[in-house]
Amino acid sequence: PTAQWGHPMCGPASVRGLVAGDPAGT
């Protein structure tokens, strides 16, 4: 998930969605 921390549109919620494989998101 590392690249997310360098982008202003990303943060804890988006990293959580990625790690969880949230089916509601991409």
PDB file of all heavy atoms in Angstrom:
ATOM      1  N   PRO A   1       0.800  -1.229   0.000  1.00  0.00           N
ATOM      2  CA  PRO A   1       0.000   0.000   0.000  1.00  0.00           C
ATOM      3  C   PRO A   1       0.833   1.279   0.000  1.00  0.00           C
ATOM      4  O   PRO A   1       0.277   2.369  -0.021  1.00  0.00           O
ATOM      5  CB  PRO A   1      -0.788  -0.115   1.303  1.00  0.00           C
ATOM      6  CG  PRO A   1       0.151  -0.821   2.228  1.00  0.00           C
ATOM      7  CD  PRO A   1       0.933  -1.790   1.359  1.00  0.00           C
ATOM      8  N   THR A   2       2.150   1.157   0.004  1.00  0.00           N
ATOM      9  CA  THR A   2       3.055   2.271   0.313  1.00  0.00           C
ATOM     10  C   THR A   2       2.819   3.519  -0.521  1.00  0.00           C
ATOM     11  O   THR A   2       2.875   4.647  -0.003  1.00  0.00           O
ATOM     12  CB  THR A   2       4.511   1.806   0.163  1.00  0.00           C
ATOM     13  OG1 THR A   2       4.718   0.643   0.963  1.00  0.00           O
ATOM     14  CG2 THR A   2       5.488   2.889   0.580  1.00  0.00           C
ATOM     15  N   ALA A   3       2.561   3.371  -1.819  1.00  0.00           N
ATOM     16  CA  ALA A   3       2.405   4.549  -2.684  1.00  0.00           C
ATOM     17  C   ALA A   3       1.283   5.463  -2.217  1.00  0.00           C
ATOM     18  O   ALA A   3       1.323   6.681  -2.462  1.00  0.00           O
ATOM     19  CB  ALA A   3       2.148   4.109  -4.124  1.00  0.00           C
ATOM     20  N   GLN A   4       0.290   4.897  -1.542  1.00  0.00           N
ATOM     21  CA  GLN A   4      -0.840   5.722  -1.086  1.00  0.00           C
ATOM     22  C   GLN A   4      -0.403   6.827  -0.135  1.00  0.00           C
ATOM     23  O   GLN A   4      -0.947   7.941  -0.160  1.00  0.00           O
ATOM     24  CB  GLN A   4      -1.896   4.849  -0.411  1.00  0.00           C
ATOM     25  CG  GLN A   4      -2.676   3.960  -1.354  1.00  0.00           C
ATOM     26  CD  GLN A   4      -4.060   3.643  -0.792  1.00  0.00           C
ATOM     27  OE1 GLN A   4      -4.659   4.444  -0.082  1.00  0.00           O
ATOM     28  NE2 GLN A   4      -4.563   2.467  -1.120  1.00  0.00           N
ATOM     29  N   TRP A   5       0.589   6.547   0.710  1.00  0.00           N
ATOM     30  CA  TRP A   5       0.987   7.542   1.717  1.00  0.00           C
ATOM     31  C   TRP A   5       1.604   8.785   1.072  1.00  0.00           C
ATOM     32  O   TRP A   5       1.614   9.849   1.696  1.00  0.00           O
ATOM     33  CB  TRP A   5       1.985   6.921   2.697  1.00  0.00           C
ATOM     34  CG  TRP A   5       1.468   5.714   3.398  1.00  0.00           C
ATOM     35  CD1 TRP A   5       1.989   4.451   3.360  1.00  0.00           C
ATOM     36  CD2 TRP A   5       0.316   5.626   4.247  1.00  0.00           C
ATOM     37  NE1 TRP A   5       1.257   3.587   4.124  1.00  0.00           N
ATOM     38  CE2 TRP A   5       0.215   4.277   4.686  1.00  0.00           C
ATOM     39  CE3 TRP A   5      -0.642   6.542   4.670  1.00  0.00           C
ATOM     40  CZ2 TRP A   5      -0.806   3.845   5.523  1.00  0.00           C
ATOM     41  CZ3 TRP A   5      -1.662   6.106   5.519  1.00  0.00           C
ATOM     42  CH2 TRP A   5      -1.735   4.780   5.929  1.00  0.00           C
ATOM     43  N   GLY A   6       2.066   8.679  -0.167  1.00  0.00           N
ATOM     44  CA  GLY A   6       2.675   9.824  -0.821  1.00  0.00           C
ATOM     45  C   GLY A   6       1.716  10.673  -1.625  1.00  0.00           C
ATOM     46  O   GLY A   6       2.139  11.665  -2.227  1.00  0.00           O
ATOM     47  N   HIS A   7       0.436  10.309  -1.646  1.00  0.00           N
ATOM     48  CA  HIS A   7      -0.527  11.026  -2.486  1.00  0.00           C
ATOM     49  C   HIS A   7      -1.574  11.719  -1.624  1.00  0.00           C
ATOM     50  O   HIS A   7      -2.147  11.107  -0.710  1.00  0.00           O
ATOM     51  CB  HIS A   7      -1.213  10.058  -3.446  1.00  0.00           C
ATOM     52  CG  HIS A   7      -1.880  10.720  -4.602  1.00  0.00           C
ATOM     53  ND1 HIS A   7      -3.048  11.435  -4.470  1.00  0.00           N
ATOM     54  CD2 HIS A   7      -1.542  10.796  -5.908  1.00  0.00           C
ATOM     55  CE1 HIS A   7      -3.406  11.911  -5.643  1.00  0.00           C
ATOM     56  NE2 HIS A   7      -2.513  11.551  -6.541  1.00  0.00           N
ATOM     57  N   PRO A   8      -1.879  12.984  -1.883  1.00  0.00           N
ATOM     58  CA  PRO A   8      -2.815  13.728  -1.019  1.00  0.00           C
ATOM     59  C   PRO A   8      -4.250  13.218  -1.044  1.00  0.00           C
ATOM     60  O   PRO A   8      -5.029  13.530  -0.142  1.00  0.00           O
ATOM     61  CB  PRO A   8      -2.743  15.163  -1.567  1.00  0.00           C
ATOM     62  CG  PRO A   8      -2.241  15.023  -2.966  1.00  0.00           C
ATOM     63  CD  PRO A   8      -1.322  13.842  -2.948  1.00  0.00           C
ATOM     64  N   MET A   9      -4.625  12.427  -2.052  1.00  0.00           N
ATOM     65  CA  MET A   9      -5.992  11.919  -2.112  1.00  0.00           C
ATOM     66  C   MET A   9      -6.163  10.597  -1.359  1.00  0.00           C
ATOM     67  O   MET A   9      -7.271  10.071  -1.282  1.00  0.00           O
ATOM     68  CB  MET A   9      -6.410  11.737  -3.575  1.00  0.00           C
ATOM     69  CG  MET A   9      -6.536  13.030  -4.358  1.00  0.00           C
ATOM     70  SD  MET A   9      -7.029  12.757  -6.083  1.00  0.00           S
ATOM     71  CE  MET A   9      -8.679  12.065  -5.853  1.00  0.00           C
ATOM     72  N   CYS A  10      -5.066  10.085  -0.812  1.00  0.00           N
ATOM     73  CA  CYS A  10      -5.122   8.789  -0.118  1.00  0.00           C
ATOM     74  C   CYS A  10      -4.875   8.988   1.375  1.00  0.00           C
ATOM     75  O   CYS A  10      -4.404  10.030   1.816  1.00  0.00           O
ATOM     76  CB  CYS A  10      -4.074   7.841  -0.689  1.00  0.00           C
ATOM     77  SG  CYS A  10      -4.222   7.543  -2.459  1.00  0.00           S
ATOM     78  N   GLY A  11      -5.202   7.950   2.149  1.00  0.00           N
ATOM     79  CA  GLY A  11      -5.008   8.037   3.585  1.00  0.00           C
ATOM     80  C   GLY A  11      -5.447   6.767   4.278  1.00  0.00           C
ATOM     81  O   GLY A  11      -5.636   5.724   3.632  1.00  0.00           O
ATOM     82  N   PRO A  12      -5.637   6.794   5.589  1.00  0.00           N
ATOM     83  CA  PRO A  12      -5.959   5.592   6.347  1.00  0.00           C
ATOM     84  C   PRO A  12      -7.180   4.836   5.836  1.00  0.00           C
ATOM     85  O   PRO A  12      -7.184   3.603   5.806  1.00  0.00           O
ATOM     86  CB  PRO A  12      -6.181   6.117   7.767  1.00  0.00           C
ATOM     87  CG  PRO A  12      -5.346   7.347   7.842  1.00  0.00           C
ATOM     88  CD  PRO A  12      -5.432   7.967   6.483  1.00  0.00           C
ATOM     89  N   ALA A  13      -8.226   5.554   5.431  1.00  0.00           N
ATOM     90  CA  ALA A  13      -9.449   4.880   4.990  1.00  0.00           C
ATOM     91  C   ALA A  13      -9.208   4.134   3.676  1.00  0.00           C
ATOM     92  O   ALA A  13      -9.686   3.003   3.496  1.00  0.00           O
ATOM     93  CB  ALA A  13     -10.588   5.882   4.829  1.00  0.00           C
ATOM     94  N   SER A  14      -8.478   4.750   2.746  1.00  0.00           N
ATOM     95  CA  SER A  14      -8.238   4.077   1.470  1.00  0.00           C
ATOM     96  C   SER A  14      -7.280   2.899   1.632  1.00  0.00           C
ATOM     97  O   SER A  14      -7.440   1.867   0.969  1.00  0.00           O
ATOM     98  CB  SER A  14      -7.708   5.068   0.429  1.00  0.00           C
ATOM     99  OG  SER A  14      -6.497   5.657   0.842  1.00  0.00           O
ATOM    100  N   VAL A  15      -6.313   3.020   2.521  1.00  0.00           N
ATOM    101  CA  VAL A  15      -5.412   1.892   2.774  1.00  0.00           C
ATOM    102  C   VAL A  15      -6.191   0.743   3.396  1.00  0.00           C
ATOM    103  O   VAL A  15      -5.999  -0.423   3.044  1.00  0.00           O
ATOM    104  CB  VAL A  15      -4.234   2.320   3.675  1.00  0.00           C
ATOM    105  CG1 VAL A  15      -3.439   1.107   4.134  1.00  0.00           C
ATOM    106  CG2 VAL A  15      -3.318   3.280   2.926  1.00  0.00           C
ATOM    107  N   ARG A  16      -7.099   1.075   4.297  1.00  0.00           N
ATOM    108  CA  ARG A  16      -7.923   0.032   4.919  1.00  0.00           C
ATOM    109  C   ARG A  16      -8.764  -0.679   3.864  1.00  0.00           C
ATOM    110  O   ARG A  16      -8.879  -1.911   3.857  1.00  0.00           O
ATOM    111  CB  ARG A  16      -8.823   0.657   5.986  1.00  0.00           C
ATOM    112  CG  ARG A  16      -9.654  -0.369   6.766  1.00  0.00           C
ATOM    113  CD  ARG A  16     -11.039  -0.525   6.183  1.00  0.00           C
ATOM    114  NE  ARG A  16     -11.786  -1.583   6.845  1.00  0.00           N
ATOM    115  CZ  ARG A  16     -12.834  -2.182   6.322  1.00  0.00           C
ATOM    116  NH1 ARG A  16     -13.263  -1.865   5.111  1.00  0.00           N
ATOM    117  NH2 ARG A  16     -13.462  -3.127   6.982  1.00  0.00           N
ATOM    118  N   GLY A  17      -9.365   0.086   2.935  1.00  0.00           N
ATOM    119  CA  GLY A  17     -10.168  -0.522   1.883  1.00  0.00           C
ATOM    120  C   GLY A  17      -9.359  -1.451   1.007  1.00  0.00           C
ATOM    121  O   GLY A  17      -9.821  -2.526   0.625  1.00  0.00           O
ATOM    122  N   LEU A  18      -8.134  -1.039   0.686  1.00  0.00           N
ATOM    123  CA  LEU A  18      -7.247  -1.872  -0.114  1.00  0.00           C
ATOM    124  C   LEU A  18      -6.922  -3.174   0.596  1.00  0.00           C
ATOM    125  O   LEU A  18      -7.051  -4.268   0.023  1.00  0.00           O
ATOM    126  CB  LEU A  18      -5.951  -1.107  -0.401  1.00  0.00           C
ATOM    127  CG  LEU A  18      -4.804  -1.921  -0.996  1.00  0.00           C
ATOM    128  CD1 LEU A  18      -5.113  -2.318  -2.425  1.00  0.00           C
ATOM    129  CD2 LEU A  18      -3.500  -1.137  -0.915  1.00  0.00           C
ATOM    130  N   VAL A  19      -6.477  -3.077   1.824  1.00  0.00           N
ATOM    131  CA  VAL A  19      -6.055  -4.264   2.568  1.00  0.00           C
ATOM    132  C   VAL A  19      -7.221  -5.220   2.784  1.00  0.00           C
ATOM    133  O   VAL A  19      -7.064  -6.444   2.719  1.00  0.00           O
ATOM    134  CB  VAL A  19      -5.426  -3.837   3.910  1.00  0.00           C
ATOM    135  CG1 VAL A  19      -5.159  -5.054   4.793  1.00  0.00           C
ATOM    136  CG2 VAL A  19      -4.128  -3.065   3.661  1.00  0.00           C
ATOM    137  N   ALA A  20      -8.412  -4.662   3.007  1.00  0.00           N
ATOM    138  CA  ALA A  20      -9.599  -5.491   3.255  1.00  0.00           C
ATOM    139  C   ALA A  20     -10.212  -6.030   1.968  1.00  0.00           C
ATOM    140  O   ALA A  20     -11.090  -6.895   2.017  1.00  0.00           O
ATOM    141  CB  ALA A  20     -10.640  -4.687   4.022  1.00  0.00           C
ATOM    142  N   GLY A  21      -9.753  -5.532   0.809  1.00  0.00           N
ATOM    143  CA  GLY A  21     -10.374  -5.940  -0.454  1.00  0.00           C
ATOM    144  C   GLY A  21     -11.832  -5.557  -0.508  1.00  0.00           C
ATOM    145  O   GLY A  21     -12.673  -6.318  -1.007  1.00  0.00           O
ATOM    146  N   ASP A  22     -12.127  -4.361  -0.024  1.00  0.00           N
ATOM    147  CA  ASP A  22     -13.508  -3.883   0.090  1.00  0.00           C
ATOM    148  C   ASP A  22     -14.257  -4.047  -1.236  1.00  0.00           C
ATOM    149  O   ASP A  22     -13.908  -3.416  -2.236  1.00  0.00           O
ATOM    150  CB  ASP A  22     -13.490  -2.417   0.497  1.00  0.00           C
ATOM    151  CG  ASP A  22     -14.859  -1.879   0.847  1.00  0.00           C
ATOM    152  OD1 ASP A  22     -15.859  -2.543   0.512  1.00  0.00           O
ATOM    153  OD2 ASP A  22     -14.931  -0.796   1.449  1.00  0.00           O
ATOM    154  N   PRO A  23     -15.293  -4.882  -1.278  1.00  0.00           N
ATOM    155  CA  PRO A  23     -16.004  -5.107  -2.545  1.00  0.00           C
ATOM    156  C   PRO A  23     -16.780  -3.896  -3.033  1.00  0.00           C
ATOM    157  O   PRO A  23     -17.197  -3.855  -4.187  1.00  0.00           O
ATOM    158  CB  PRO A  23     -16.955  -6.259  -2.201  1.00  0.00           C
ATOM    159  CG  PRO A  23     -17.148  -6.188  -0.725  1.00  0.00           C
ATOM    160  CD  PRO A  23     -15.839  -5.697  -0.182  1.00  0.00           C
ATOM    161  N   ALA A  24     -16.960  -2.907  -2.162  1.00  0.00           N
ATOM    162  CA  ALA A  24     -17.678  -1.704  -2.568  1.00  0.00           C
ATOM    163  C   ALA A  24     -16.788  -0.733  -3.339  1.00  0.00           C
ATOM    164  O   ALA A  24     -17.282   0.226  -3.928  1.00  0.00           O
ATOM    165  CB  ALA A  24     -18.256  -1.004  -1.340  1.00  0.00           C
ATOM    166  N   GLY A  25     -15.485  -0.965  -3.341  1.00  0.00           N
ATOM    167  CA  GLY A  25     -14.551  -0.072  -4.023  1.00  0.00           C
ATOM    168  C   GLY A  25     -13.832  -0.777  -5.154  1.00  0.00           C
ATOM    169  O   GLY A  25     -14.105  -1.941  -5.478  1.00  0.00           O
ATOM    170  N   THR A  26     -12.904  -0.069  -5.759  1.00  0.00           N
ATOM    171  CA  THR A  26     -12.141  -0.649  -6.874  1.00  0.00           C
ATOM    172  C   THR A  26     -11.164  -1.713  -6.405  1.00  0.00           C
ATOM    173  O   THR A  26     -10.585  -2.413  -7.238  1.00  0.00           O
ATOM    174  CB  THR A  26     -11.370   0.452  -7.618  1.00  0.00           C
ATOM    175  OG1 THR A  26     -10.484   1.115  -6.703  1.00  0.00           O
ATOM    176  CG2 THR A  26     -12.335   1.474  -8.209  1.00  0.00           C
TER     177      THR A  26
END
